N, C-alpha and C. Protein backbone atom coordinates (compact mmCIF):
# COMPACT_ATOMS: atom_id res chain seq x y z
N UNK A 1 -10.99 -10.51 47.07
CA UNK A 1 -10.57 -9.31 46.38
C UNK A 1 -11.60 -8.19 46.54
N UNK A 2 -12.87 -8.53 46.48
CA UNK A 2 -13.93 -7.54 46.62
C UNK A 2 -13.89 -6.90 48.01
N UNK A 3 -13.58 -7.68 49.03
CA UNK A 3 -13.50 -7.14 50.38
C UNK A 3 -12.38 -6.11 50.49
N UNK A 4 -11.27 -6.33 49.79
CA UNK A 4 -10.16 -5.37 49.81
C UNK A 4 -10.59 -4.04 49.19
N UNK A 5 -11.37 -4.12 48.11
CA UNK A 5 -11.81 -2.90 47.44
C UNK A 5 -12.82 -2.12 48.28
N UNK A 6 -13.71 -2.83 48.94
CA UNK A 6 -14.79 -2.17 49.65
C UNK A 6 -14.49 -1.88 51.11
N UNK A 7 -13.56 -2.61 51.69
CA UNK A 7 -13.34 -2.48 53.12
C UNK A 7 -14.38 -3.31 53.87
N UNK A 8 -14.25 -3.39 55.17
CA UNK A 8 -15.14 -4.26 55.94
C UNK A 8 -16.56 -3.75 56.03
N UNK A 9 -16.74 -2.50 56.40
CA UNK A 9 -18.08 -1.99 56.67
C UNK A 9 -18.56 -0.95 55.66
N UNK A 10 -17.88 -0.86 54.55
CA UNK A 10 -18.22 0.16 53.57
C UNK A 10 -19.46 -0.21 52.78
N UNK A 11 -20.36 0.71 52.64
CA UNK A 11 -21.60 0.49 51.89
C UNK A 11 -21.43 0.99 50.46
N UNK A 12 -22.10 0.37 49.50
CA UNK A 12 -22.06 0.86 48.12
C UNK A 12 -22.54 2.30 48.03
N UNK A 13 -21.88 3.09 47.21
CA UNK A 13 -22.16 4.52 47.15
C UNK A 13 -23.34 4.84 46.25
N UNK A 14 -23.48 4.17 45.15
CA UNK A 14 -24.60 4.45 44.26
C UNK A 14 -25.07 3.18 43.57
N UNK A 15 -26.07 3.32 42.77
CA UNK A 15 -26.70 2.17 42.12
C UNK A 15 -25.76 1.45 41.16
N UNK A 16 -24.94 2.19 40.42
CA UNK A 16 -24.01 1.56 39.47
C UNK A 16 -22.98 0.70 40.20
N UNK A 17 -22.46 1.24 41.29
CA UNK A 17 -21.49 0.48 42.08
C UNK A 17 -22.16 -0.75 42.67
N UNK A 18 -23.40 -0.57 43.16
CA UNK A 18 -24.15 -1.69 43.73
C UNK A 18 -24.36 -2.79 42.69
N UNK A 19 -24.69 -2.41 41.46
CA UNK A 19 -24.87 -3.39 40.38
C UNK A 19 -23.57 -4.12 40.07
N UNK A 20 -22.47 -3.39 40.03
CA UNK A 20 -21.18 -4.02 39.77
C UNK A 20 -20.84 -5.03 40.87
N UNK A 21 -21.13 -4.66 42.10
CA UNK A 21 -20.86 -5.57 43.22
C UNK A 21 -21.69 -6.84 43.09
N UNK A 22 -22.95 -6.70 42.70
CA UNK A 22 -23.80 -7.88 42.50
C UNK A 22 -23.23 -8.78 41.40
N UNK A 23 -22.79 -8.16 40.30
CA UNK A 23 -22.22 -8.93 39.20
C UNK A 23 -20.94 -9.64 39.63
N UNK A 24 -20.11 -8.96 40.41
CA UNK A 24 -18.87 -9.56 40.89
C UNK A 24 -19.17 -10.75 41.79
N UNK A 25 -20.11 -10.59 42.69
CA UNK A 25 -20.48 -11.69 43.59
C UNK A 25 -21.04 -12.88 42.82
N UNK A 26 -21.84 -12.58 41.80
CA UNK A 26 -22.38 -13.66 40.96
C UNK A 26 -21.25 -14.37 40.22
N UNK A 27 -20.30 -13.62 39.74
CA UNK A 27 -19.15 -14.21 39.04
C UNK A 27 -18.34 -15.08 40.00
N UNK A 28 -18.15 -14.62 41.24
CA UNK A 28 -17.45 -15.41 42.25
C UNK A 28 -18.18 -16.73 42.50
N UNK A 29 -19.52 -16.66 42.56
CA UNK A 29 -20.31 -17.88 42.73
C UNK A 29 -20.11 -18.83 41.55
N UNK A 30 -20.16 -18.29 40.34
CA UNK A 30 -19.99 -19.13 39.15
C UNK A 30 -18.60 -19.76 39.08
N UNK A 31 -17.58 -19.01 39.53
CA UNK A 31 -16.23 -19.57 39.54
C UNK A 31 -16.11 -20.71 40.55
N UNK A 32 -16.73 -20.55 41.72
CA UNK A 32 -16.72 -21.61 42.73
C UNK A 32 -17.47 -22.84 42.22
N UNK A 33 -18.60 -22.60 41.56
CA UNK A 33 -19.40 -23.70 40.99
C UNK A 33 -18.60 -24.43 39.91
N UNK A 34 -17.91 -23.66 39.07
CA UNK A 34 -17.09 -24.24 38.01
C UNK A 34 -16.01 -25.14 38.60
N UNK A 35 -15.40 -24.70 39.69
CA UNK A 35 -14.34 -25.49 40.33
C UNK A 35 -14.88 -26.82 40.84
N UNK A 36 -16.07 -26.78 41.44
CA UNK A 36 -16.68 -28.02 41.95
C UNK A 36 -17.00 -28.96 40.80
N UNK A 37 -17.60 -28.42 39.74
CA UNK A 37 -17.93 -29.26 38.58
C UNK A 37 -16.68 -29.83 37.93
N UNK A 38 -15.63 -29.03 37.86
CA UNK A 38 -14.37 -29.50 37.29
C UNK A 38 -13.84 -30.68 38.10
N UNK A 39 -13.89 -30.56 39.42
CA UNK A 39 -13.39 -31.64 40.28
C UNK A 39 -14.22 -32.91 40.15
N UNK A 40 -15.49 -32.78 39.81
CA UNK A 40 -16.38 -33.95 39.73
C UNK A 40 -16.40 -34.59 38.34
N UNK A 41 -15.91 -33.88 37.33
CA UNK A 41 -16.02 -34.33 35.95
C UNK A 41 -14.92 -35.33 35.60
N UNK A 42 -15.30 -36.38 34.86
CA UNK A 42 -14.32 -37.38 34.42
C UNK A 42 -14.18 -37.43 32.90
N UNK A 43 -15.19 -36.94 32.19
CA UNK A 43 -15.16 -36.96 30.73
C UNK A 43 -14.19 -35.89 30.21
N UNK A 44 -13.31 -36.26 29.30
CA UNK A 44 -12.28 -35.34 28.80
C UNK A 44 -12.87 -34.10 28.14
N UNK A 45 -13.93 -34.29 27.35
CA UNK A 45 -14.55 -33.15 26.68
C UNK A 45 -15.16 -32.18 27.69
N UNK A 46 -15.80 -32.72 28.72
CA UNK A 46 -16.39 -31.86 29.74
C UNK A 46 -15.32 -31.15 30.58
N UNK A 47 -14.22 -31.83 30.81
CA UNK A 47 -13.11 -31.20 31.54
C UNK A 47 -12.59 -30.00 30.74
N UNK A 48 -12.43 -30.19 29.44
CA UNK A 48 -11.97 -29.11 28.58
C UNK A 48 -12.96 -27.95 28.58
N UNK A 49 -14.24 -28.27 28.54
CA UNK A 49 -15.28 -27.22 28.59
C UNK A 49 -15.21 -26.45 29.90
N UNK A 50 -14.96 -27.14 31.00
CA UNK A 50 -14.85 -26.48 32.31
C UNK A 50 -13.63 -25.55 32.34
N UNK A 51 -12.55 -25.97 31.71
CA UNK A 51 -11.35 -25.15 31.66
C UNK A 51 -11.63 -23.86 30.88
N UNK A 52 -12.30 -23.96 29.73
CA UNK A 52 -12.62 -22.77 28.94
C UNK A 52 -13.57 -21.86 29.71
N UNK A 53 -14.54 -22.45 30.39
CA UNK A 53 -15.47 -21.65 31.18
C UNK A 53 -14.74 -20.94 32.31
N UNK A 54 -13.80 -21.62 32.96
CA UNK A 54 -13.02 -21.01 34.04
C UNK A 54 -12.26 -19.79 33.54
N UNK A 55 -11.63 -19.94 32.38
CA UNK A 55 -10.88 -18.81 31.81
C UNK A 55 -11.81 -17.65 31.47
N UNK A 56 -12.94 -17.96 30.89
CA UNK A 56 -13.91 -16.92 30.55
C UNK A 56 -14.38 -16.18 31.81
N UNK A 57 -14.68 -16.93 32.85
CA UNK A 57 -15.12 -16.31 34.10
C UNK A 57 -14.01 -15.47 34.73
N UNK A 58 -12.79 -15.93 34.62
CA UNK A 58 -11.66 -15.18 35.18
C UNK A 58 -11.51 -13.82 34.47
N UNK A 59 -11.62 -13.82 33.14
CA UNK A 59 -11.54 -12.56 32.39
C UNK A 59 -12.71 -11.64 32.73
N UNK A 60 -13.89 -12.22 32.84
CA UNK A 60 -15.07 -11.43 33.21
C UNK A 60 -14.90 -10.82 34.60
N UNK A 61 -14.41 -11.61 35.54
CA UNK A 61 -14.19 -11.15 36.91
C UNK A 61 -13.18 -9.99 36.93
N UNK A 62 -12.07 -10.14 36.23
CA UNK A 62 -11.07 -9.08 36.18
C UNK A 62 -11.64 -7.80 35.56
N UNK A 63 -12.43 -7.95 34.52
CA UNK A 63 -13.07 -6.80 33.88
C UNK A 63 -13.98 -6.08 34.87
N UNK A 64 -14.80 -6.84 35.59
CA UNK A 64 -15.72 -6.23 36.55
C UNK A 64 -14.97 -5.52 37.67
N UNK A 65 -13.88 -6.10 38.14
CA UNK A 65 -13.07 -5.45 39.18
C UNK A 65 -12.49 -4.13 38.67
N UNK A 66 -12.03 -4.12 37.42
CA UNK A 66 -11.51 -2.88 36.84
C UNK A 66 -12.61 -1.82 36.76
N UNK A 67 -13.80 -2.24 36.36
CA UNK A 67 -14.92 -1.31 36.28
C UNK A 67 -15.25 -0.73 37.65
N UNK A 68 -15.23 -1.58 38.68
CA UNK A 68 -15.53 -1.12 40.04
C UNK A 68 -14.47 -0.13 40.51
N UNK A 69 -13.21 -0.44 40.27
CA UNK A 69 -12.14 0.49 40.66
C UNK A 69 -12.31 1.84 39.96
N UNK A 70 -12.63 1.80 38.69
CA UNK A 70 -12.82 3.02 37.92
C UNK A 70 -13.97 3.84 38.49
N UNK A 71 -15.09 3.21 38.76
CA UNK A 71 -16.25 3.91 39.34
C UNK A 71 -15.90 4.51 40.69
N UNK A 72 -15.21 3.75 41.52
CA UNK A 72 -14.86 4.26 42.84
C UNK A 72 -13.88 5.41 42.73
N UNK A 73 -12.95 5.36 41.80
CA UNK A 73 -12.02 6.46 41.60
C UNK A 73 -12.75 7.71 41.12
N UNK A 74 -13.73 7.53 40.23
CA UNK A 74 -14.52 8.66 39.76
C UNK A 74 -15.29 9.30 40.91
N UNK A 75 -15.88 8.46 41.74
CA UNK A 75 -16.64 8.97 42.87
C UNK A 75 -15.74 9.69 43.87
N UNK A 76 -14.54 9.18 44.07
CA UNK A 76 -13.58 9.84 44.97
C UNK A 76 -13.18 11.19 44.42
N UNK A 77 -12.92 11.25 43.12
CA UNK A 77 -12.55 12.52 42.50
C UNK A 77 -13.68 13.53 42.60
N UNK A 78 -14.91 13.08 42.39
CA UNK A 78 -16.06 13.97 42.49
C UNK A 78 -16.22 14.52 43.91
N UNK A 79 -16.04 13.65 44.90
CA UNK A 79 -16.20 14.12 46.28
C UNK A 79 -15.07 15.08 46.66
N UNK A 80 -13.86 14.88 46.13
CA UNK A 80 -12.76 15.81 46.40
C UNK A 80 -13.05 17.17 45.78
N UNK A 81 -13.62 17.18 44.58
CA UNK A 81 -13.97 18.45 43.93
C UNK A 81 -15.01 19.20 44.74
N UNK A 82 -15.97 18.48 45.30
CA UNK A 82 -17.01 19.11 46.11
C UNK A 82 -16.39 19.72 47.36
N UNK A 83 -15.48 18.99 48.00
CA UNK A 83 -14.83 19.47 49.23
C UNK A 83 -13.96 20.70 48.98
N UNK A 84 -13.27 20.72 47.85
CA UNK A 84 -12.37 21.83 47.55
C UNK A 84 -13.07 22.98 46.83
N UNK A 85 -14.32 22.75 46.40
CA UNK A 85 -15.08 23.82 45.74
C UNK A 85 -14.75 24.00 44.29
N UNK A 86 -14.18 23.00 43.66
CA UNK A 86 -13.85 23.10 42.21
C UNK A 86 -15.05 22.83 41.36
């Protein structure tokens, strides 16, 4: 999903966007780790804990993606204003 937002060769525009990208990548890592731990777990209580953690990470990931889209839209609007002289 992050690749779709950024494109293949696109570089982060500013520090805030760069921070969001780092957080998103970290969240992706944690979700992959959660999946591995879930697959390895046999205890019912730990399985349930992994499920709750997965849901929490999914909500966090979606929130971060929304924040990134918002930042990128703001930056696009700012650059359009500069080009048009508004």
